[in-house]
Protein backbone atom coordinates (compact mmCIF):
# COMPACT_ATOMS: atom_id res chain seq x y z
CA MET A 1 -32.51 62.78 73.77
CA ALA A 2 -36.05 64.04 75.41
CA TRP A 3 -34.20 67.42 76.71
CA THR A 4 -31.69 67.61 73.82
CA ALA A 5 -34.61 67.55 71.36
CA ARG A 6 -36.12 70.54 73.48
CA HIS A 7 -33.03 72.55 73.72
CA LEU A 8 -32.76 71.89 69.68
CA THR A 9 -36.49 73.15 69.29
CA ARG A 10 -36.09 76.15 71.33
CA LYS A 11 -32.89 77.12 69.22
CA GLY A 12 -34.39 76.86 65.83
CA VAL A 13 -32.76 73.73 64.92
CA ASP A 14 -34.22 71.94 61.86
CA HIS A 15 -35.92 68.52 62.48
CA PRO A 16 -34.89 68.56 66.41
CA ARG A 17 -36.05 64.99 67.29
CA ARG A 18 -34.15 63.34 63.99
CA ALA A 19 -30.89 65.61 65.01
CA THR A 20 -30.64 64.54 68.70
CA GLU A 21 -30.88 60.78 67.18
CA MET A 22 -28.31 61.27 64.82
CA LEU A 23 -25.76 62.92 66.80
CA LEU A 24 -26.40 60.59 69.76
CA ALA A 25 -26.20 57.35 67.49
CA HIS A 26 -22.84 58.74 66.08
CA VAL A 27 -21.37 59.43 69.56
CA LEU A 28 -22.05 55.90 70.62
CA GLY A 29 -21.46 54.16 67.37
CA VAL A 30 -25.00 52.69 67.31
CA ASP A 31 -28.05 52.56 65.02
CA ARG A 32 -30.67 55.00 65.58
CA LEU A 33 -32.87 51.97 66.47
CA LYS A 34 -30.60 50.97 68.97
CA LEU A 35 -31.05 53.77 71.12
CA TYR A 36 -34.67 52.92 71.73
CA MET A 37 -34.10 49.24 72.22
CA ASP A 38 -31.43 49.80 75.08
CA PRO A 39 -32.70 53.28 76.59
CA ASP A 40 -30.79 52.38 79.92
CA ARG A 41 -27.31 51.94 78.58
CA PRO A 42 -25.19 54.41 80.33
CA ALA A 43 -22.80 56.94 78.86
CA SER A 44 -19.33 57.50 79.81
CA GLU A 45 -18.36 60.86 80.37
CA LEU A 46 -15.88 60.66 77.32
CA GLU A 47 -19.44 59.91 75.39
CA ARG A 48 -21.31 62.60 77.34
CA ALA A 49 -18.89 65.43 76.54
CA THR A 50 -18.52 64.20 72.99
CA PHE A 51 -22.27 64.73 72.71
CA ARG A 52 -22.55 68.18 74.72
CA GLU A 53 -20.06 69.15 72.18
CA LEU A 54 -21.62 68.01 69.07
CA VAL A 55 -24.96 69.81 70.44
CA GLU A 56 -23.65 73.27 70.99
CA ARG A 57 -22.47 73.04 67.64
CA ALA A 58 -25.56 72.16 66.31
CA VAL A 59 -27.47 74.94 68.21
CA ALA A 60 -24.60 77.27 66.20
CA HIS A 61 -26.69 75.90 63.21
CA GLU A 62 -23.78 73.50 61.85
CA PRO A 63 -25.33 71.15 59.99
CA VAL A 64 -25.96 67.74 61.90
CA ASP A 65 -25.10 65.79 58.63
CA TYR A 66 -21.64 67.28 58.34
CA LEU A 67 -21.03 66.97 62.34
CA ILE A 68 -21.42 63.22 61.94
CA GLY A 69 -19.92 62.83 58.52
CA LYS A 70 -22.96 60.93 56.84
CA SER A 71 -26.64 61.66 55.52
CA PRO A 72 -29.96 59.79 55.40
CA PHE A 73 -30.77 59.41 51.29
CA PHE A 74 -33.15 56.92 49.27
CA SER A 75 -32.74 53.85 51.98
CA MET A 76 -28.83 54.89 51.84
CA MET A 77 -26.43 56.37 54.44
CA LEU A 78 -24.06 58.44 52.14
CA ALA A 79 -20.57 60.32 53.24
CA VAL A 80 -20.94 63.96 53.30
CA THR A 81 -18.56 66.72 53.79
CA PRO A 82 -18.61 70.65 53.75
CA ASP A 83 -17.59 70.16 49.87
CA VAL A 84 -20.73 68.66 48.63
CA LEU A 85 -24.37 69.43 49.45
CA ILE A 86 -26.59 67.33 51.74
CA PRO A 87 -28.77 65.59 50.13
CA ARG A 88 -32.69 66.84 50.34
CA PRO A 89 -36.03 64.77 50.32
CA SER A 90 -36.94 66.65 47.50
CA THR A 91 -34.59 65.29 45.19
CA GLU A 92 -35.97 61.80 45.43
CA THR A 93 -39.04 62.92 43.07
CA LEU A 94 -36.23 62.99 40.26
CA ILE A 95 -34.76 59.59 41.27
CA GLU A 96 -38.30 58.06 41.63
CA HIS A 97 -39.41 59.31 38.09
CA VAL A 98 -36.14 58.10 36.17
CA ILE A 99 -36.38 54.92 37.93
CA GLN A 100 -40.21 54.10 37.36
CA HIS A 101 -39.72 55.02 33.58
CA ALA A 102 -36.59 53.25 33.17
CA ARG A 103 -38.64 50.28 34.24
CA ARG A 104 -41.95 51.09 32.29
CA ILE A 105 -40.73 52.27 28.87
CA PRO A 106 -39.44 49.74 26.46
CA GLY A 107 -35.80 50.97 25.59
CA PHE A 108 -35.20 52.52 28.55
CA ASN A 109 -34.16 49.57 30.59
CA SER A 110 -30.37 49.65 29.93
CA PRO A 111 -29.96 53.69 29.48
CA THR A 112 -26.55 55.40 29.70
CA ILE A 113 -27.12 58.35 32.19
CA ALA A 114 -25.82 61.53 32.86
CA ASP A 115 -26.02 63.30 36.17
CA ILE A 116 -24.45 66.87 36.06
CA GLY A 117 -23.15 68.12 39.19
CA THR A 118 -23.13 65.03 40.98
CA GLY A 119 -21.69 66.78 44.65
CA SER A 120 -22.04 63.71 46.87
CA GLY A 121 -23.14 61.07 44.06
CA ALA A 122 -26.74 60.89 45.16
CA ILE A 123 -28.66 60.84 42.12
CA ALA A 124 -25.93 58.82 40.28
CA ILE A 125 -25.70 56.36 43.05
CA ALA A 126 -29.24 55.53 43.49
CA LEU A 127 -30.14 55.20 39.95
CA ALA A 128 -27.24 52.86 39.38
CA LYS A 129 -28.35 50.74 42.15
CA HIS A 130 -32.02 50.56 40.98
CA ILE A 131 -31.47 50.35 37.17
CA PRO A 132 -28.99 47.36 37.51
CA HIS A 133 -28.12 47.62 33.79
CA SER A 134 -27.81 51.11 33.50
CA ARG A 135 -24.43 52.98 32.59
CA VAL A 136 -23.97 56.54 34.47
CA ILE A 137 -21.65 59.20 34.14
CA ALA A 138 -21.37 61.74 36.75
CA THR A 139 -19.94 65.11 36.76
CA ASP A 140 -18.83 67.99 38.83
CA LEU A 141 -16.40 70.66 38.73
CA CYS A 142 -15.07 70.42 42.00
CA ASP A 143 -12.45 67.63 42.45
CA LYS A 144 -13.08 67.04 46.37
CA ALA A 145 -16.78 66.49 45.35
CA LEU A 146 -15.71 63.94 43.00
CA ASP A 147 -13.53 62.27 45.74
CA VAL A 148 -16.50 62.20 48.20
CA ALA A 149 -18.97 60.59 45.47
CA ARG A 150 -16.50 58.00 44.31
CA ALA A 151 -16.23 56.97 48.12
CA ASN A 152 -20.01 56.84 48.27
CA ALA A 153 -20.14 54.65 45.20
CA ARG A 154 -17.72 52.16 46.47
CA SER A 155 -19.51 51.68 49.59
CA MET A 156 -22.74 51.09 47.96
CA GLY A 157 -21.00 49.12 45.46
CA VAL A 158 -21.85 50.74 42.20
CA SER A 159 -18.40 51.93 41.38
CA ASP A 160 -18.17 49.43 38.06
CA GLN A 161 -21.68 51.25 37.02
CA ILE A 162 -20.44 54.85 37.19
CA GLU A 163 -17.56 56.80 35.55
CA PHE A 164 -17.00 59.90 37.43
CA ARG A 165 -15.58 62.91 35.12
CA GLN A 166 -14.57 66.27 36.62
CA GLY A 167 -15.66 69.60 34.32
CA ASP A 168 -17.69 72.30 33.80
CA LEU A 169 -21.42 71.47 33.20
CA LEU A 170 -22.14 69.57 29.93
CA GLU A 171 -18.30 69.54 28.59
CA PRO A 172 -17.43 66.28 30.05
CA VAL A 173 -20.48 64.43 28.35
CA GLU A 174 -20.34 66.95 25.12
CA HIS A 175 -19.52 63.50 22.88
CA GLU A 176 -21.77 61.22 24.52
CA ARG A 177 -25.68 60.14 23.44
CA LEU A 178 -27.79 60.13 26.39
CA ARG A 179 -31.18 58.10 27.26
CA TYR A 180 -31.18 60.39 30.49
CA LEU A 181 -29.68 63.72 31.06
CA VAL A 182 -30.36 64.46 34.78
CA SER A 183 -29.59 67.13 37.47
CA ASN A 184 -29.97 69.00 40.61
CA PRO A 185 -27.84 72.02 39.53
CA PRO A 186 -27.55 75.18 41.55
CA TYR A 187 -30.75 77.41 41.48
CA ILE A 188 -31.02 79.67 44.36
CA GLY A 189 -31.76 83.16 42.70
CA ASP A 190 -29.79 86.26 44.59
CA ASP A 191 -32.65 87.70 46.26
CA GLU A 192 -33.64 84.62 47.35
CA TRP A 193 -30.39 83.98 48.52
CA LYS A 194 -30.55 86.88 51.29
CA ARG A 195 -33.14 84.38 52.59
CA VAL A 196 -31.75 81.46 53.10
CA ALA A 197 -31.56 79.70 56.62
CA PRO A 198 -27.82 80.07 57.95
CA ASN A 199 -27.54 76.25 58.61
CA VAL A 200 -27.03 76.30 54.54
CA LYS A 201 -25.68 79.73 53.64
CA ASP A 202 -23.01 79.82 56.36
CA TYR A 203 -21.95 75.83 55.80
CA GLU A 204 -23.49 74.15 52.55
CA PRO A 205 -21.01 75.00 49.58
CA ALA A 206 -22.62 78.25 47.85
CA SER A 207 -21.24 77.32 44.38
CA ALA A 208 -23.55 74.41 44.68
CA LEU A 209 -26.36 76.62 45.39
CA ARG A 210 -26.41 79.73 43.89
CA GLY A 211 -27.61 79.83 40.70
CA GLY A 212 -27.20 83.60 39.18
CA ALA A 213 -29.55 86.60 39.64
CA ASP A 214 -32.80 84.69 38.50
CA GLY A 215 -31.79 81.41 39.71
CA LEU A 216 -31.56 80.17 35.98
CA ARG A 217 -28.16 80.30 34.91
CA TYR A 218 -27.61 76.91 35.11
CA LEU A 219 -31.04 75.55 34.49
CA ARG A 220 -30.94 77.73 31.39
CA VAL A 221 -27.75 76.51 30.17
CA LEU A 222 -29.06 72.96 30.59
CA ILE A 223 -32.34 72.99 28.70
CA GLU A 224 -30.86 74.91 25.61
CA ARG A 225 -28.21 72.46 25.05
CA ALA A 226 -29.39 69.20 26.17
CA ARG A 227 -31.07 67.76 22.86
CA PRO A 228 -27.89 67.20 20.96
CA LEU A 229 -26.86 64.69 23.71
CA LEU A 230 -29.78 63.00 24.39
CA GLU A 231 -31.37 60.04 21.99
CA HIS A 232 -34.68 59.76 20.97
CA PRO A 233 -36.40 58.84 22.85
CA GLY A 234 -34.58 60.36 25.62
CA GLN A 235 -35.74 62.43 28.55
CA LEU A 236 -34.29 65.64 30.27
CA VAL A 237 -35.05 65.57 33.93
CA LEU A 238 -33.93 68.37 36.25
CA GLU A 239 -34.57 69.51 39.98
CA ALA A 240 -35.29 73.75 40.40
CA ALA A 241 -36.97 75.70 42.67
CA ALA A 242 -40.79 75.78 43.28
CA SER A 243 -41.09 79.22 41.76
CA HIS A 244 -39.36 78.70 38.42
CA GLU A 245 -42.36 76.67 37.27
CA LYS A 246 -43.67 78.49 34.46
CA GLN A 247 -39.99 79.81 33.23
CA LEU A 248 -38.63 76.17 32.78
CA LEU A 249 -41.67 75.32 30.78
CA ARG A 250 -41.17 78.56 28.28
CA LEU A 251 -37.75 77.69 28.34
CA ALA A 252 -38.09 73.99 27.30
CA GLU A 253 -40.66 75.22 24.82
CA SER A 254 -38.46 77.45 23.14
CA ALA A 255 -35.33 74.96 23.61
CA GLY A 256 -36.15 73.03 20.22
CA GLY A 257 -35.99 69.21 19.75
CA LEU A 258 -37.98 69.16 23.44
CA ALA A 259 -41.54 68.32 23.89
CA ASN A 260 -44.18 67.09 26.65
CA ALA A 261 -42.51 69.82 29.36
CA HIS A 262 -43.91 69.30 32.82
CA VAL A 263 -43.25 69.87 36.03
CA LEU A 264 -43.48 67.14 38.98
CA ALA A 265 -44.50 67.86 42.39
CA ASP A 266 -42.12 66.63 45.32
CA HIS A 267 -43.16 65.05 48.33
CA ASP A 268 -44.36 68.40 49.80
CA SER A 269 -46.68 68.75 46.81
CA LEU A 270 -44.34 71.89 45.36
CA PRO A 271 -43.45 71.90 41.66
CA ARG A 272 -39.87 70.99 41.49
CA VAL A 273 -38.67 68.38 38.86
CA LEU A 274 -38.85 69.54 35.32
CA VAL A 275 -39.33 66.43 32.61
CA CYS A 276 -39.12 67.29 28.99
CA ASP A 277 -39.09 63.96 26.35
CA THR A 278 -36.63 64.10 23.05
CA VAL A 279 -38.77 64.72 19.46
């Protein structure tokens, strides 16, 4: 483990110690904690060979989460494939806001929630688990992504709360009335795409990452078309790039029917989550 972590560090792999633990725990079929509880456990030649192969793929910047087929997120372990984005810690800010808001504000304790572009289902599943009386509609354009999300919902025991619908942006929910409309849409602009790390650019689905010339193609539609779908009171909650803060606030102010627009900081203190109330 120590040698591999140093090797991954030299090769520029993200979070090398965590990556090492995830790969070795996967090969040995144990939890990561077990690696430290049983450090003298011998590894078979097959296990060593399998581990070496995975390490070399990680060195080539293939995401570790795809290599082991799962990703930790919000105290869950979700299945992931190259058809879906790997969940990121920044998205937890969106989830934490909605959970706390639903618990605190009267009228929001049994909400109908739409998660647009659900991918692995990370947002929809986390909200369903932590807001027990919620009804969640999770949408995605990609049928393979929806298959992953459905499997994750089953494994997390929330299938009965979530309805999965295939379609483009808001089309699958155009006849709904929602308490929350949430989304982590594609938001990487063309200029920024040139600087995206190879472990993202070469392996994760570009359709779930690229947001047009300025990165606002989908965010603009969501903001401009959200109000007719939202109840009063209701909230629009969107993840975006930190560089979009001012543009998002201007879009929200000009959209009509939205008020109190503000942007929440993520765990790295970056302005990432737009929140708007309905009027």
